[in-house]
Amino acid sequence: MERELQKLKKDLSEKCSSCGLCIKECPFLQEIGEDIASIALRGPRVEEAYSCSLCGLCARVCPLNLSPQELFRLTRKQAVDQGLLEIDDFSYLLPDRPYNVNSAYREAYGIGYENLRLNTQGVAAFFPGCTMLTYSPLLTKGLYYQLETVYPEITLVSDCCGLPLYQLGLQQRGDNYLKKLAEKFDRLQVRYLVVACPNCFYQLQPLLAPTQIKVLTVYQALAASKLWRLPLMPEKEELITIHDSCPDRWQGIFARQAREALKRKGYKIAEMEHNREYSICCGSGGQISHTRPDLAEELIKSRLKEAKDCGATILAGYCLACVLNLARIPNDAQLKIRHVLNLLSGLDEDYSQVKIQARKIFDGPQGEELWQKVVAGG
């Protein structure tokens, strides 16, 4: 890794033309006030590495096809390897621990899926991702039942895709986690894996490429459902704008399928200034909502402003982590923040209180006890 990082520093310091396009699009780089060449030459500081959302917009706009975000990603890994980051400060996020904040939230609000075919053998499996599984049981169960019409006896897989481990720089733990996850899919005899989250999709797609498992988006899987294809008859016309998620920046699979599905349902779509491959991070990328909440809030406000400027009444995302982050602060535009799948499935939810509900579980003596349980890992 050290050799890879040094090579990248050399390439960026020598090849960056200092055109400023990446700085123009990135408030974090504007905050540093240096071009990528000079940052690479001196090497990023640890706090800088954990202020980058790893969204990849810098790479997308670079005319020389350089990848500045890789500099910060590898610096995170180096920080962990060299003990420069107190990783225990973020242990509450880690999916390879038996108990974390997601577990605590489900326990506190009695969220469970025991009435479904949970982690059982089946030809098809639904992988909603840990965020949807935790914070939107209504959508998780509703989609499961709709998928049952296409794949009878589909199983629900309740795992995380492991991305937080990689985002925080825990490469080896991430690799170990994914290995166990692949073994689980094999044990369950899964042949079709239906994924709702773009982060999960792009994490699992390369993992399962060498296997016989076909990874599908939930939009692909439900395209065969008659219920899914029925047009809606909205009582009033509402203009939707779509926040595109960073992991979809390069392949655009979710951006395309979500728009096509919404149009089939009769929705009208207005595009924000930054959309599809040029989308701005929602403020949750790279876990910066935990490491740099101030910067995360700046990004949220930027997205809400663009949504307001295009005249939309609904801001929809196809990643629930994005949706929850965008919904966590009040917006002057009075936008409804929804998941695309809420609109397509007819299962409406208001996400504006979810982050507040998540904080409430740690209030008071019982909350302190629950937090200690999270810190201890169970």
Protein backbone atom coordinates (compact mmCIF):
# COMPACT_ATOMS: atom_id res chain seq x y z
CA MET A 1 0.00 0.00 0.00
CA GLU A 2 2.84 2.39 0.86
CA ARG A 3 4.37 1.90 -2.58
CA GLU A 4 0.97 2.52 -4.22
CA LEU A 5 0.48 5.70 -2.22
CA GLN A 6 3.95 7.04 -3.05
CA LYS A 7 3.44 6.33 -6.76
CA LEU A 8 0.10 8.13 -6.69
CA LYS A 9 1.64 11.14 -4.94
CA LYS A 10 4.34 11.29 -7.60
CA ASP A 11 1.86 11.01 -10.46
CA LEU A 12 -0.46 13.67 -9.08
CA SER A 13 2.34 16.10 -8.22
CA GLU A 14 3.87 15.76 -11.69
CA LYS A 15 0.75 15.47 -13.88
CA CYS A 16 -1.75 17.84 -12.26
CA SER A 17 -2.02 20.96 -14.45
CA SER A 18 -3.52 23.07 -11.64
CA CYS A 19 -6.51 23.91 -13.86
CA GLY A 20 -8.71 24.27 -10.78
CA LEU A 21 -11.73 22.34 -12.09
CA CYS A 22 -11.75 19.93 -9.13
CA ILE A 23 -11.41 22.81 -6.66
CA LYS A 24 -14.31 24.64 -8.29
CA GLU A 25 -16.61 21.67 -7.63
CA CYS A 26 -15.39 20.65 -4.17
CA PRO A 27 -15.92 22.72 -0.97
CA PHE A 28 -13.37 20.53 0.83
CA LEU A 29 -10.62 21.37 -1.67
CA GLN A 30 -11.67 25.01 -1.52
CA GLU A 31 -11.22 24.81 2.24
CA ILE A 32 -7.64 23.53 1.87
CA GLY A 33 -6.83 26.27 -0.63
CA GLU A 34 -4.15 24.32 -2.51
CA ASP A 35 -4.15 22.51 -5.81
CA ILE A 36 -3.85 18.73 -5.95
CA ALA A 37 -0.22 18.87 -7.10
CA SER A 38 0.89 20.68 -3.95
CA ILE A 39 -1.26 18.50 -1.67
CA ALA A 40 0.24 15.38 -3.25
CA LEU A 41 3.77 16.76 -2.98
CA ARG A 42 3.53 17.38 0.77
CA GLY A 43 1.13 14.47 1.43
CA PRO A 44 -2.37 14.91 2.90
CA ARG A 45 -2.75 15.27 6.64
CA VAL A 46 -4.86 12.68 8.42
CA GLU A 47 -7.62 15.17 9.19
CA GLU A 48 -7.71 16.11 5.51
CA ALA A 49 -8.05 12.49 4.47
CA TYR A 50 -11.09 12.10 6.71
CA SER A 51 -12.63 15.32 5.41
CA CYS A 52 -12.84 14.03 1.83
CA SER A 53 -16.19 12.40 1.02
CA LEU A 54 -14.45 10.07 -1.47
CA CYS A 55 -17.26 10.95 -3.88
CA GLY A 56 -15.10 10.94 -7.03
CA LEU A 57 -16.44 14.16 -8.54
CA CYS A 58 -12.87 15.49 -8.66
CA ALA A 59 -11.86 12.55 -10.86
CA ARG A 60 -14.93 12.93 -13.06
CA VAL A 61 -14.22 16.57 -13.91
CA CYS A 62 -10.44 16.15 -14.26
CA PRO A 63 -9.44 16.63 -17.94
CA LEU A 64 -6.35 14.48 -17.34
CA ASN A 65 -8.29 11.55 -15.80
CA LEU A 66 -6.47 11.87 -12.49
CA SER A 67 -8.08 10.53 -9.31
CA PRO A 68 -7.42 12.90 -6.40
CA GLN A 69 -9.89 11.08 -4.14
CA GLU A 70 -7.61 8.03 -4.26
CA LEU A 71 -4.93 10.11 -2.56
CA PHE A 72 -7.22 10.68 0.41
CA ARG A 73 -8.55 7.10 0.41
CA LEU A 74 -5.05 5.61 0.55
CA THR A 75 -4.03 8.14 3.19
CA ARG A 76 -6.90 6.87 5.34
CA LYS A 77 -5.60 3.33 4.99
CA GLN A 78 -2.08 4.48 5.85
CA ALA A 79 -3.42 6.30 8.92
CA VAL A 80 -5.05 3.11 10.18
CA ASP A 81 -2.00 0.95 9.39
CA GLN A 82 0.29 3.36 11.24
CA GLY A 83 -2.03 3.84 14.20
CA LEU A 84 -2.59 7.52 13.42
CA LEU A 85 -6.37 7.21 13.76
CA GLU A 86 -8.21 6.22 16.91
CA ILE A 87 -10.37 3.69 15.12
CA ASP A 88 -12.15 2.80 18.37
CA ASP A 89 -13.74 6.25 18.18
CA PHE A 90 -15.73 4.93 15.20
CA SER A 91 -16.31 1.37 16.36
CA TYR A 92 -20.03 2.07 16.69
CA LEU A 93 -20.24 2.19 12.87
CA LEU A 94 -18.44 -1.02 12.02
CA PRO A 95 -20.48 -3.86 10.50
CA ASP A 96 -18.06 -6.64 11.41
CA ARG A 97 -18.85 -6.18 15.10
CA PRO A 98 -21.75 -8.21 16.54
CA TYR A 99 -23.48 -5.05 17.80
CA ASN A 100 -23.40 -1.49 16.44
CA VAL A 101 -25.66 1.57 16.09
CA ASN A 102 -27.86 -0.16 13.55
CA SER A 103 -28.36 -3.10 15.90
CA ALA A 104 -29.16 -0.68 18.73
CA TYR A 105 -31.74 1.21 16.66
CA ARG A 106 -33.53 -1.98 15.60
CA GLU A 107 -33.52 -3.20 19.19
CA ALA A 108 -34.81 0.10 20.58
CA TYR A 109 -37.69 0.33 18.12
CA GLY A 110 -38.50 -3.37 17.94
CA ILE A 111 -37.59 -3.76 14.27
CA GLY A 112 -37.32 -7.38 13.18
CA TYR A 113 -37.90 -9.59 10.17
CA GLU A 114 -38.56 -12.97 11.77
CA ASN A 115 -41.86 -13.29 9.90
CA LEU A 116 -40.00 -13.30 6.57
CA ARG A 117 -37.72 -15.94 5.11
CA LEU A 118 -34.64 -14.46 6.76
CA ASN A 119 -31.16 -15.72 5.80
CA THR A 120 -32.49 -19.05 4.52
CA GLN A 121 -31.58 -21.03 1.42
CA GLY A 122 -33.16 -19.81 -1.78
CA VAL A 123 -32.50 -19.29 -5.45
CA ALA A 124 -33.12 -15.56 -5.06
CA ALA A 125 -32.17 -13.23 -2.22
CA PHE A 126 -33.13 -9.65 -1.43
CA PHE A 127 -30.25 -7.52 -0.12
CA PRO A 128 -31.76 -4.20 1.04
CA GLY A 129 -28.55 -3.00 2.73
CA CYS A 130 -28.11 -2.17 6.40
CA THR A 131 -29.47 1.38 6.16
CA MET A 132 -32.80 0.39 4.61
CA LEU A 133 -33.04 -2.69 6.81
CA THR A 134 -32.60 -0.51 9.90
CA TYR A 135 -34.30 2.80 9.14
CA SER A 136 -37.06 1.82 6.72
CA PRO A 137 -38.66 -1.49 7.73
CA LEU A 138 -41.81 -0.43 5.87
CA LEU A 139 -39.95 -0.18 2.57
CA THR A 140 -37.87 -3.29 3.28
CA LYS A 141 -40.94 -5.45 3.93
CA GLY A 142 -43.00 -3.90 1.16
CA LEU A 143 -40.30 -4.52 -1.44
CA TYR A 144 -39.79 -8.06 -0.13
CA TYR A 145 -43.47 -8.86 -0.65
CA GLN A 146 -43.43 -7.33 -4.12
CA LEU A 147 -40.32 -9.32 -5.01
CA GLU A 148 -42.10 -12.47 -3.83
CA THR A 149 -44.45 -12.10 -6.79
CA VAL A 150 -41.45 -12.42 -9.11
CA TYR A 151 -39.28 -14.80 -7.04
CA PRO A 152 -41.43 -17.09 -4.87
CA GLU A 153 -39.75 -18.00 -1.56
CA ILE A 154 -37.15 -15.27 -1.92
CA THR A 155 -34.92 -14.93 1.15
CA LEU A 156 -34.01 -11.70 2.92
CA VAL A 157 -30.28 -11.27 3.62
CA SER A 158 -29.77 -8.98 6.61
CA ASP A 159 -26.05 -8.18 6.26
CA CYS A 160 -24.21 -4.95 5.53
CA CYS A 161 -22.08 -4.81 2.38
CA GLY A 162 -19.03 -3.89 4.47
CA LEU A 163 -18.40 -0.51 2.83
CA PRO A 164 -17.93 1.44 6.11
CA LEU A 165 -14.84 -0.68 6.83
CA TYR A 166 -13.21 0.39 3.58
CA GLN A 167 -14.32 4.00 3.92
CA LEU A 168 -12.61 4.27 7.30
CA GLY A 169 -9.41 2.70 5.97
CA LEU A 170 -9.83 -0.82 7.38
CA GLN A 171 -8.83 -2.64 4.20
CA GLN A 172 -7.95 -6.02 5.72
CA ARG A 173 -11.05 -6.14 7.90
CA GLY A 174 -13.11 -5.22 4.86
CA ASP A 175 -11.57 -8.01 2.79
CA ASN A 176 -12.19 -10.52 5.57
CA TYR A 177 -15.79 -9.37 5.92
CA LEU A 178 -16.50 -9.69 2.19
CA LYS A 179 -14.95 -13.14 2.09
CA LYS A 180 -17.37 -14.32 4.78
CA LEU A 181 -20.27 -12.64 2.99
CA ALA A 182 -19.44 -14.43 -0.27
CA GLU A 183 -19.28 -17.72 1.65
CA LYS A 184 -22.72 -16.97 3.08
CA PHE A 185 -24.23 -16.43 -0.36
CA ASP A 186 -22.72 -19.73 -1.47
CA ARG A 187 -24.09 -21.48 1.62
CA LEU A 188 -27.56 -20.09 0.95
CA GLN A 189 -27.30 -21.35 -2.67
CA VAL A 190 -28.23 -17.92 -4.02
CA ARG A 191 -28.28 -17.50 -7.80
CA TYR A 192 -30.01 -14.12 -8.06
CA LEU A 193 -29.10 -11.33 -5.66
CA VAL A 194 -31.51 -8.39 -5.76
CA VAL A 195 -29.88 -5.23 -4.37
CA ALA A 196 -31.67 -2.01 -3.39
CA CYS A 197 -28.69 0.19 -2.48
CA PRO A 198 -26.16 1.52 -5.03
CA ASN A 199 -23.35 1.35 -2.47
CA CYS A 200 -24.11 -2.32 -1.90
CA PHE A 201 -24.53 -3.01 -5.61
CA TYR A 202 -21.15 -1.63 -6.59
CA GLN A 203 -19.52 -3.28 -3.58
CA LEU A 204 -20.96 -6.73 -4.29
CA GLN A 205 -20.85 -6.69 -8.08
CA PRO A 206 -17.07 -7.26 -8.37
CA LEU A 207 -17.07 -9.62 -5.38
CA LEU A 208 -19.57 -11.95 -7.03
CA ALA A 209 -18.41 -11.54 -10.64
CA PRO A 210 -16.34 -14.78 -10.53
CA THR A 211 -19.34 -16.74 -9.19
CA GLN A 212 -22.59 -17.96 -10.74
CA ILE A 213 -24.58 -15.35 -8.81
CA LYS A 214 -26.26 -12.70 -10.93
CA VAL A 215 -26.46 -9.34 -9.17
CA LEU A 216 -29.60 -7.37 -10.06
CA THR A 217 -30.87 -3.98 -9.01
CA VAL A 218 -34.31 -3.96 -7.43
CA TYR A 219 -35.47 -1.95 -10.46
CA GLN A 220 -34.42 -4.76 -12.80
CA ALA A 221 -35.95 -7.44 -10.62
CA LEU A 222 -39.31 -5.70 -10.25
CA ALA A 223 -39.61 -4.71 -13.90
CA ALA A 224 -41.42 -8.03 -14.43
CA SER A 225 -43.99 -7.23 -11.77
CA LYS A 226 -47.39 -6.12 -13.15
CA LEU A 227 -48.00 -4.06 -10.03
CA TRP A 228 -44.70 -2.26 -10.53
CA ARG A 229 -45.58 -1.28 -14.09
CA LEU A 230 -49.05 0.10 -13.34
CA PRO A 231 -49.06 3.87 -13.84
CA LEU A 232 -49.97 6.04 -10.89
CA MET A 233 -52.80 8.54 -11.03
CA PRO A 234 -51.50 11.33 -8.78
CA GLU A 235 -54.14 13.63 -7.35
CA LYS A 236 -51.92 16.55 -8.26
CA GLU A 237 -48.90 16.85 -10.46
CA GLU A 238 -45.65 16.91 -8.53
CA LEU A 239 -42.30 17.69 -10.09
CA ILE A 240 -39.51 15.39 -8.99
CA THR A 241 -35.79 16.00 -9.04
CA ILE A 242 -33.34 13.19 -8.41
CA HIS A 243 -30.25 13.21 -6.25
CA ASP A 244 -27.78 10.82 -7.87
CA SER A 245 -25.55 8.84 -5.56
CA CYS A 246 -21.78 9.02 -5.83
CA PRO A 247 -21.09 5.28 -6.34
CA ASP A 248 -23.32 5.39 -9.43
CA ARG A 249 -21.23 8.16 -10.98
CA TRP A 250 -19.29 5.95 -13.37
CA GLN A 251 -21.77 3.33 -14.58
CA GLY A 252 -25.02 5.25 -14.10
CA ILE A 253 -27.10 2.09 -13.72
CA PHE A 254 -29.30 3.35 -10.88
CA ALA A 255 -29.62 6.84 -12.38
CA ARG A 256 -30.96 5.42 -15.62
CA GLN A 257 -33.22 2.74 -14.17
CA ALA A 258 -34.72 4.99 -11.48
CA ARG A 259 -35.61 7.68 -14.03
CA GLU A 260 -37.09 5.16 -16.46
CA ALA A 261 -39.23 3.61 -13.72
CA LEU A 262 -40.48 6.99 -12.49
CA LYS A 263 -41.40 8.09 -16.00
CA ARG A 264 -43.32 4.84 -16.55
CA LYS A 265 -45.30 5.70 -13.42
CA GLY A 266 -46.19 9.07 -14.89
CA TYR A 267 -43.89 11.31 -12.86
CA LYS A 268 -42.28 14.38 -14.40
CA ILE A 269 -38.59 14.92 -13.68
CA ALA A 270 -36.60 18.15 -13.49
CA GLU A 271 -32.82 17.93 -13.33
CA MET A 272 -30.65 19.78 -10.84
CA GLU A 273 -27.58 21.62 -12.07
CA HIS A 274 -25.37 18.80 -10.80
CA ASN A 275 -26.84 15.46 -11.82
CA ARG A 276 -25.92 11.94 -12.87
CA GLU A 277 -22.12 11.65 -13.22
CA TYR A 278 -21.64 15.24 -12.02
CA SER A 279 -23.76 14.89 -8.89
CA ILE A 280 -22.55 16.43 -5.64
CA CYS A 281 -22.19 14.27 -2.54
CA CYS A 282 -25.17 14.31 -0.16
CA GLY A 283 -22.87 14.75 2.84
CA SER A 284 -22.78 11.13 3.97
CA GLY A 285 -20.03 9.90 1.62
CA GLY A 286 -16.83 8.64 3.19
CA GLN A 287 -18.54 8.81 6.61
CA ILE A 288 -17.90 12.58 6.75
CA SER A 289 -21.22 13.07 8.53
CA HIS A 290 -19.32 11.48 11.45
CA THR A 291 -15.85 12.92 10.84
CA ARG A 292 -16.78 16.37 9.45
CA PRO A 293 -20.44 17.14 10.25
CA ASP A 294 -19.94 20.82 9.42
CA LEU A 295 -18.81 20.01 5.90
CA ALA A 296 -21.59 17.44 5.54
CA GLU A 297 -24.16 20.12 6.38
CA GLU A 298 -22.70 22.44 3.76
CA LEU A 299 -23.14 19.73 1.13
CA ILE A 300 -26.74 19.06 2.21
CA LYS A 301 -27.63 22.74 1.88
CA SER A 302 -26.06 22.82 -1.57
CA ARG A 303 -28.25 19.93 -2.75
CA LEU A 304 -31.40 21.42 -1.24
CA LYS A 305 -30.71 24.74 -2.96
CA GLU A 306 -30.27 23.08 -6.35
CA ALA A 307 -33.51 21.15 -5.86
CA LYS A 308 -35.34 24.37 -5.01
CA ASP A 309 -33.81 26.19 -7.96
CA CYS A 310 -35.14 23.62 -10.46
CA GLY A 311 -38.67 24.01 -9.13
CA ALA A 312 -39.12 20.51 -7.75
CA THR A 313 -41.57 19.66 -4.98
CA ILE A 314 -40.02 16.24 -4.31
CA LEU A 315 -36.31 15.52 -3.94
CA ALA A 316 -35.87 11.78 -4.45
CA GLY A 317 -32.78 9.65 -3.97
CA TYR A 318 -32.13 6.00 -4.71
CA CYS A 319 -29.74 5.52 -1.77
CA LEU A 320 -31.43 5.62 1.64
CA ALA A 321 -28.27 6.94 3.31
CA CYS A 322 -28.48 9.95 0.96
CA VAL A 323 -32.20 10.36 1.60
CA LEU A 324 -31.79 10.30 5.38
CA ASN A 325 -28.93 12.79 5.24
CA LEU A 326 -30.80 15.18 2.94
CA ALA A 327 -33.88 14.98 5.17
CA ARG A 328 -32.10 15.68 8.45
CA ILE A 329 -32.10 19.47 8.32
CA PRO A 330 -35.16 21.69 7.64
CA ASN A 331 -35.32 23.18 4.16
CA ASP A 332 -36.86 26.50 3.14
CA ALA A 333 -38.11 24.99 -0.12
CA GLN A 334 -40.50 22.73 1.82
CA LEU A 335 -39.34 19.84 -0.30
CA LYS A 336 -40.56 16.37 0.42
CA ILE A 337 -37.51 14.12 0.68
CA ARG A 338 -38.31 10.60 -0.48
CA HIS A 339 -36.66 7.43 -1.68
CA VAL A 340 -37.37 6.66 -5.32
CA LEU A 341 -38.70 3.29 -4.16
CA ASN A 342 -41.25 5.05 -1.93
CA LEU A 343 -42.69 6.68 -5.03
CA LEU A 344 -42.62 3.52 -7.14
CA SER A 345 -44.02 1.15 -4.53
CA GLY A 346 -46.71 3.45 -3.15
CA LEU A 347 -45.23 3.16 0.35
CA ASP A 348 -44.87 6.76 1.49
CA GLU A 349 -42.61 7.73 4.40
CA ASP A 350 -41.51 10.95 6.04
CA TYR A 351 -37.79 10.69 6.85
CA SER A 352 -37.40 14.09 8.52
CA GLN A 353 -37.46 12.65 12.04
CA VAL A 354 -35.34 9.53 11.56
CA LYS A 355 -32.03 11.10 12.59
CA ILE A 356 -33.70 12.61 15.65
CA GLN A 357 -35.17 9.22 16.54
CA ALA A 358 -31.72 7.68 16.16
CA ARG A 359 -30.21 10.14 18.64
CA LYS A 360 -33.07 9.72 21.12
CA ILE A 361 -32.27 6.07 21.81
CA PHE A 362 -29.12 7.19 23.65
CA ASP A 363 -30.88 9.73 25.89
CA GLY A 364 -31.16 9.25 29.64
CA PRO A 365 -29.86 6.43 31.86
CA GLN A 366 -31.25 3.70 29.60
CA GLY A 367 -29.71 5.41 26.60
CA GLU A 368 -26.33 5.54 28.31
CA GLU A 369 -26.60 1.85 29.05
CA LEU A 370 -27.46 1.15 25.42
CA TRP A 371 -24.50 3.26 24.25
CA GLN A 372 -22.14 1.29 26.48
CA LYS A 373 -23.50 -1.86 24.90
CA VAL A 374 -22.73 -0.43 21.45
CA VAL A 375 -19.21 0.57 22.51
CA ALA A 376 -18.61 -2.92 23.91
CA GLY A 377 -19.90 -4.48 20.70
CA GLY A 378 -22.78 -6.35 22.30
